Protein backbone atom coordinates (compact mmCIF):
# COMPACT_ATOMS: atom_id res chain seq x y z
CA MET A 1 -23.26 -0.94 71.35
CA LYS A 2 -24.20 1.17 68.36
CA VAL A 3 -27.76 0.23 67.46
CA LEU A 4 -30.01 1.11 64.53
CA VAL A 5 -33.58 1.45 65.85
CA THR A 6 -36.23 1.51 63.13
CA GLY A 7 -39.48 3.18 64.12
CA GLY A 8 -37.70 5.09 66.88
CA ALA A 9 -40.31 7.87 66.86
CA GLY A 10 -43.03 5.28 67.45
CA PHE A 11 -44.36 4.13 70.80
CA ILE A 12 -42.18 1.09 71.51
CA GLY A 13 -39.31 2.48 69.44
CA TYR A 14 -39.19 5.67 71.53
CA HIS A 15 -39.07 3.77 74.83
CA THR A 16 -36.46 1.36 73.46
CA SER A 17 -34.25 4.17 72.18
CA LYS A 18 -34.53 5.94 75.54
CA ALA A 19 -33.53 2.79 77.45
CA LEU A 20 -30.55 2.16 75.15
CA LEU A 21 -29.38 5.76 75.50
CA GLU A 22 -29.83 5.70 79.29
CA ARG A 23 -27.45 2.78 79.60
CA GLY A 24 -24.85 4.39 77.34
CA ASP A 25 -25.42 2.78 73.95
CA LYS A 26 -25.27 4.83 70.76
CA VAL A 27 -28.49 5.02 68.78
CA ILE A 28 -29.36 5.81 65.18
CA ILE A 29 -33.11 6.25 64.78
CA VAL A 30 -34.80 5.66 61.43
CA ASP A 31 -38.41 6.82 61.10
CA ASN A 32 -40.53 8.24 58.29
CA PHE A 33 -43.05 10.06 60.57
CA ASN A 34 -46.04 8.81 58.60
CA ASP A 35 -49.48 10.25 59.36
CA TYR A 36 -51.34 7.07 60.36
CA TYR A 37 -51.82 8.88 63.66
CA ASN A 38 -50.96 12.40 64.87
CA VAL A 39 -47.42 13.17 63.68
CA ASN A 40 -47.02 15.73 66.48
CA LEU A 41 -46.97 12.92 69.03
CA LYS A 42 -44.08 11.29 67.16
CA LYS A 43 -42.25 14.62 66.99
CA ASP A 44 -42.83 15.20 70.71
CA ARG A 45 -41.34 11.80 71.53
CA ILE A 46 -38.19 12.77 69.62
CA LYS A 47 -38.10 16.20 71.29
CA ASN A 48 -38.34 14.49 74.66
CA LEU A 49 -35.32 12.33 73.79
CA GLU A 50 -33.36 15.34 72.52
CA LYS A 51 -33.67 17.06 75.91
CA ASP A 52 -31.36 14.51 77.55
CA PHE A 53 -29.51 12.54 74.89
CA ASP A 54 -27.40 12.77 71.76
CA PHE A 55 -28.45 10.45 68.95
CA THR A 56 -28.78 10.46 65.19
CA LEU A 57 -32.16 10.75 63.47
CA GLU A 58 -32.67 9.72 59.83
CA ASN A 59 -36.04 10.51 58.21
CA VAL A 60 -36.28 7.47 55.95
CA ASN A 61 -38.99 5.00 54.97
CA ILE A 62 -37.65 1.47 55.36
CA SER A 63 -39.47 0.43 52.17
CA ASP A 64 -37.13 2.78 50.23
CA TYR A 65 -34.14 0.52 49.66
CA GLU A 66 -31.79 3.16 48.23
CA LYS A 67 -32.40 5.65 51.06
CA LEU A 68 -32.02 2.90 53.63
CA LYS A 69 -28.78 1.80 52.00
CA GLU A 70 -27.42 5.32 52.50
CA VAL A 71 -28.06 4.96 56.24
CA PHE A 72 -26.12 1.67 56.32
CA GLU A 73 -23.33 3.26 54.29
CA LYS A 74 -23.09 6.30 56.57
CA HIS A 75 -23.28 4.61 59.99
CA ASP A 76 -21.23 1.69 61.20
CA PHE A 77 -23.62 0.11 63.72
CA ASP A 78 -23.35 -3.22 65.50
CA LYS A 79 -26.97 -4.37 65.66
CA VAL A 80 -30.38 -3.68 64.15
CA CYS A 81 -33.47 -3.34 66.35
CA HIS A 82 -36.36 -3.38 63.88
CA LEU A 83 -39.53 -1.93 65.42
CA ALA A 84 -40.89 0.06 62.46
CA ALA A 85 -44.16 -1.19 61.00
CA GLN A 86 -47.46 -0.04 59.65
CA ALA A 87 -49.68 -0.93 62.59
CA GLY A 88 -53.39 -1.46 63.05
CA VAL A 89 -55.36 -4.65 62.42
CA ARG A 90 -58.43 -2.90 61.00
CA HIS A 91 -56.32 -0.45 59.02
CA SER A 92 -54.61 -3.43 57.35
CA ILE A 93 -57.92 -4.72 56.00
CA GLU A 94 -58.63 -1.39 54.32
CA ASN A 95 -55.05 -0.72 53.15
CA PRO A 96 -53.40 -4.09 52.41
CA PHE A 97 -50.87 -2.76 49.90
CA CYS A 98 -49.21 -0.34 52.31
CA PHE A 99 -48.87 -3.13 54.88
CA VAL A 100 -47.08 -5.42 52.46
CA ARG A 101 -44.87 -2.55 51.32
CA ASP A 102 -43.89 -1.23 54.75
CA ASN A 103 -43.91 -4.41 56.80
CA VAL A 104 -42.74 -7.08 54.35
CA LEU A 105 -40.62 -5.15 51.86
CA GLY A 106 -39.22 -2.96 54.66
CA THR A 107 -38.09 -6.01 56.63
CA LEU A 108 -36.64 -7.63 53.53
CA ASN A 109 -34.67 -4.45 52.76
CA LEU A 110 -33.21 -4.41 56.27
CA LEU A 111 -32.17 -8.06 56.23
CA GLU A 112 -30.64 -7.74 52.76
CA LEU A 113 -28.60 -4.75 53.97
CA CYS A 114 -27.60 -6.60 57.15
CA LYS A 115 -26.25 -9.33 54.88
CA ASP A 116 -24.38 -6.89 52.61
CA TYR A 117 -22.94 -4.82 55.46
CA HIS A 118 -22.06 -7.82 57.66
CA ILE A 119 -24.35 -6.95 60.57
CA GLN A 120 -24.76 -10.11 62.58
CA ASP A 121 -27.62 -9.31 64.97
CA PHE A 122 -31.21 -8.55 64.03
CA VAL A 123 -33.96 -8.20 66.67
CA TYR A 124 -37.43 -7.49 65.33
CA ALA A 125 -41.03 -6.93 66.44
CA SER A 126 -43.53 -9.63 65.64
CA SER A 127 -47.02 -9.77 67.12
CA SER A 128 -49.48 -11.90 69.05
CA SER A 129 -51.77 -11.44 66.05
CA VAL A 130 -49.91 -14.24 64.25
CA TYR A 131 -51.79 -16.75 66.44
CA GLY A 132 -55.15 -15.85 64.89
CA GLU A 133 -58.39 -17.05 66.46
CA ARG A 134 -57.89 -20.14 68.62
CA ASP A 135 -59.51 -21.89 71.54
CA GLU A 136 -56.42 -23.32 73.24
CA VAL A 137 -54.72 -20.96 75.68
CA PRO A 138 -52.16 -19.84 76.61
CA PHE A 139 -50.48 -19.36 73.22
CA SER A 140 -47.15 -21.14 72.89
CA GLU A 141 -44.32 -20.44 70.46
CA GLU A 142 -44.68 -24.11 69.47
CA ASP A 143 -48.26 -23.57 68.21
CA LYS A 144 -48.94 -23.56 64.48
CA VAL A 145 -49.54 -20.04 63.20
CA ASP A 146 -50.75 -20.72 59.68
CA LYS A 147 -54.23 -19.19 59.87
CA PRO A 148 -53.93 -15.37 60.21
CA VAL A 149 -57.20 -13.40 60.27
CA SER A 150 -55.87 -9.97 59.20
CA MET A 151 -53.36 -8.61 56.72
CA TYR A 152 -51.38 -7.17 59.63
CA ALA A 153 -51.02 -10.65 61.14
CA SER A 154 -50.06 -12.07 57.76
CA THR A 155 -47.27 -9.53 57.29
CA LYS A 156 -45.89 -10.25 60.77
CA LYS A 157 -45.86 -14.01 60.13
CA THR A 158 -44.17 -13.38 56.77
CA ASN A 159 -41.46 -11.37 58.55
CA GLU A 160 -40.73 -14.33 60.82
CA GLU A 161 -40.32 -16.56 57.77
CA ILE A 162 -38.07 -14.07 55.94
CA ALA A 163 -35.92 -13.77 59.08
CA HIS A 164 -35.54 -17.55 59.16
CA VAL A 165 -34.42 -17.57 55.52
CA TYR A 166 -31.71 -14.97 56.20
CA HIS A 167 -30.58 -16.83 59.30
CA HIS A 168 -30.42 -20.11 57.38
CA LEU A 169 -28.69 -18.73 54.29
CA TYR A 170 -26.40 -16.09 55.78
CA GLY A 171 -26.08 -16.89 59.49
CA ILE A 172 -27.69 -13.65 60.68
CA ASN A 173 -28.79 -13.92 64.33
CA CYS A 174 -32.53 -13.21 64.29
CA THR A 175 -34.77 -12.85 67.35
CA GLY A 176 -38.49 -12.21 66.86
CA LEU A 177 -40.62 -10.87 69.71
CA ARG A 178 -44.35 -11.51 69.59
CA PHE A 179 -45.70 -8.51 71.51
CA PHE A 180 -49.06 -8.88 73.30
CA THR A 181 -51.06 -5.60 73.48
CA CYS A 182 -48.34 -3.24 74.63
CA TYR A 183 -49.55 -0.12 76.48
CA GLY A 184 -48.08 2.76 78.47
CA SER A 185 -47.05 6.42 78.38
CA TRP A 186 -46.47 8.00 74.97
CA GLY A 187 -48.73 5.26 73.54
CA ARG A 188 -50.51 5.03 70.19
CA PRO A 189 -53.75 7.04 69.89
CA ASP A 190 -55.42 4.29 67.82
CA MET A 191 -55.16 1.75 70.65
CA ALA A 192 -58.30 0.92 72.64
CA TYR A 193 -56.90 1.92 76.06
CA PHE A 194 -55.89 5.35 74.71
CA LEU A 195 -59.35 5.90 73.20
CA PHE A 196 -61.05 4.71 76.39
CA VAL A 197 -59.19 7.25 78.54
CA GLU A 198 -59.64 10.02 75.98
CA ASN A 199 -63.39 9.51 75.58
CA ILE A 200 -64.14 9.00 79.28
CA LEU A 201 -62.38 12.27 80.10
CA LYS A 202 -64.31 14.01 77.31
CA GLU A 203 -67.55 12.37 78.53
CA LYS A 204 -68.04 10.62 75.19
CA PRO A 205 -69.17 6.99 74.76
CA ILE A 206 -66.49 4.33 74.39
CA LYS A 207 -66.83 1.59 71.77
CA VAL A 208 -66.82 -1.89 73.29
CA PHE A 209 -66.60 -4.58 70.64
CA ASN A 210 -68.04 -8.10 70.80
CA GLU A 211 -70.33 -6.83 73.58
CA GLY A 212 -67.26 -6.81 75.86
CA LYS A 213 -66.76 -10.59 75.57
CA MET A 214 -63.07 -10.29 74.85
CA ARG A 215 -59.89 -11.02 76.78
CA ARG A 216 -56.41 -9.59 76.28
CA ASP A 217 -52.92 -10.14 77.64
CA PHE A 218 -51.86 -6.54 78.34
CA THR A 219 -48.11 -5.82 78.54
CA HIS A 220 -46.67 -2.62 79.94
CA VAL A 221 -44.07 -1.00 77.69
CA GLN A 222 -41.45 -1.12 80.47
CA ASP A 223 -41.60 -4.93 80.38
CA THR A 224 -41.64 -4.96 76.58
CA VAL A 225 -38.47 -2.87 76.47
CA PHE A 226 -36.72 -5.20 78.91
CA SER A 227 -37.33 -8.08 76.49
CA ILE A 228 -35.92 -6.08 73.57
CA LEU A 229 -32.71 -5.11 75.38
CA SER A 230 -32.24 -8.64 76.67
CA SER A 231 -32.62 -9.97 73.11
CA LEU A 232 -30.08 -7.46 71.78
CA ASP A 233 -27.60 -8.45 74.51
CA LYS A 234 -27.96 -12.21 74.17
CA SER A 235 -27.63 -12.63 70.36
CA PHE A 236 -29.51 -15.89 69.84
CA PRO A 237 -28.94 -17.60 66.45
CA PHE A 238 -32.69 -17.84 65.75
CA GLU A 239 -35.50 -17.60 68.31
CA ILE A 240 -39.07 -16.37 68.66
CA PHE A 241 -40.49 -15.32 72.04
CA ASN A 242 -43.91 -14.40 73.40
CA ILE A 243 -43.76 -11.10 75.28
CA GLY A 244 -46.83 -10.59 77.46
CA LEU A 245 -47.90 -10.30 81.06
CA GLY A 246 -48.79 -14.00 81.09
CA LYS A 247 -52.40 -13.28 82.12
CA SER A 248 -55.58 -12.92 80.12
CA ILE A 249 -57.77 -10.08 81.37
CA ASN A 250 -61.45 -9.54 80.59
CA LEU A 251 -61.99 -6.35 78.57
CA LEU A 252 -64.74 -5.11 80.91
CA ASP A 253 -62.42 -5.59 83.90
CA PHE A 254 -59.77 -3.59 82.03
CA ILE A 255 -62.29 -0.79 81.48
CA SER A 256 -63.20 -0.91 85.18
CA GLU A 257 -59.54 -0.37 86.09
CA ILE A 258 -59.51 2.74 83.90
CA GLU A 259 -62.77 3.99 85.44
CA ASN A 260 -61.38 3.50 88.93
CA CYS A 261 -58.19 5.36 88.05
CA LEU A 262 -60.07 8.28 86.49
CA GLY A 263 -62.83 8.33 89.10
CA LYS A 264 -65.35 8.47 86.25
CA LYS A 265 -67.74 5.93 84.73
CA ALA A 266 -67.67 5.17 81.03
CA GLU A 267 -70.73 5.33 78.82
CA LYS A 268 -70.37 2.08 76.86
CA GLU A 269 -71.54 1.60 73.27
CA MET A 270 -71.76 -2.19 72.90
CA LEU A 271 -70.91 -3.28 69.37
CA PRO A 272 -70.43 -6.55 67.45
CA MET A 273 -67.04 -8.13 66.75
CA GLN A 274 -64.89 -6.34 64.18
CA LYS A 275 -63.38 -8.06 61.18
CA GLY A 276 -59.82 -9.25 61.75
CA ASP A 277 -60.12 -9.16 65.53
CA VAL A 278 -59.81 -12.13 67.90
CA THR A 279 -61.70 -12.90 71.10
CA GLU A 280 -58.69 -13.71 73.29
CA THR A 281 -54.93 -13.39 73.55
CA PHE A 282 -52.92 -15.07 76.32
CA ALA A 283 -49.14 -15.52 76.25
CA ASP A 284 -47.23 -18.49 77.57
CA ILE A 285 -44.09 -16.59 78.67
CA SER A 286 -42.15 -19.54 80.11
CA LYS A 287 -39.64 -19.54 77.24
CA ALA A 288 -38.93 -15.80 77.61
CA LYS A 289 -38.57 -16.21 81.37
CA LYS A 290 -36.01 -18.98 80.89
CA MET A 291 -33.97 -17.54 78.00
CA LEU A 292 -34.38 -13.76 78.33
CA ASN A 293 -34.65 -13.54 82.13
CA TYR A 294 -37.98 -11.89 81.36
CA ASN A 295 -40.21 -11.37 84.39
CA PRO A 296 -42.97 -8.77 83.97
CA GLN A 297 -42.82 -6.19 86.75
CA VAL A 298 -45.73 -3.84 86.03
CA SER A 299 -49.22 -4.87 87.16
CA LEU A 300 -52.30 -3.77 85.26
CA SER A 301 -53.35 -1.26 87.94
CA GLN A 302 -49.82 0.24 88.05
CA GLY A 303 -49.63 0.39 84.27
CA ILE A 304 -53.00 2.07 83.82
CA LYS A 305 -52.17 4.66 86.48
CA GLU A 306 -48.84 5.36 84.74
CA PHE A 307 -50.62 5.87 81.41
CA VAL A 308 -53.40 8.03 82.85
CA ASP A 309 -50.85 10.22 84.67
CA TRP A 310 -48.94 10.71 81.41
CA TYR A 311 -52.09 11.29 79.34
CA THR A 312 -53.54 13.92 81.67
CA SER A 313 -50.18 15.71 81.93
CA TYR A 314 -49.47 15.60 78.18
CA ASN A 315 -52.96 16.92 77.36
CA ASN A 316 -52.97 19.51 80.17
CA TYR A 317 -55.88 18.10 82.18
CA GLU A 318 -56.26 19.31 85.74
């Protein structure tokens, strides 16, 4: 296949591009290298890909319709794997306009161009954040998701609805993947696990929100990528899948795993709940297991060790 990967210099986009290239697919990466977090990390991901693979890189913001159209005009690709987004729940509360521009307008631009250039398959990243705050667990794709608690969540839910419109009107095959707290090597520096490892190694306090009374379904990026490739290969007419480990893990237990791996104790700064956050995420992955052959392989202890090994190597720790 020849696949357009948006956000290919990002965390999940990098790993997805690498997996596609490893199996022999052709990849066109679109990324605008924005400075939400350290741009050098994004550049290093691309450099790491360039060591072993040939691919095309286009420095384009997906919210720029005319520039994006030039990419569609220049490259005759088979499928679109849309992973680009402005991320960060708390960032979305402070910067709502950029989230609507990049996440909603960017997705609309891509689907409109898929329609015009007769690209039949569109796989895109949604998020567990669409579920909002709820008491019933695990979260099922059948649950109502009409009460988002952050602008980020709202933009992801909007993307699902826009995808349904383009499937209904134009027959584009659209698969949405609701990712649950993806982590792993080359990860995002704004994510809690990254900050925990960074601060523990630097002997700085770590911020623990809601006094640690939080639970998360943590998904290793290797498993996340499997779900993306399976979705690209299967070409469902219109589906949405939860992509998680299928377990809800207490935040303090997660921190303990990191402490054990580092052989160092964290100094914890206990803080109240942050706006836009939720107390628990927990994915029902039965649908993904059945339809995507999805079966998470990486345990939490394996995944944390993999991340810590990468982090210490990348940052030249002994």
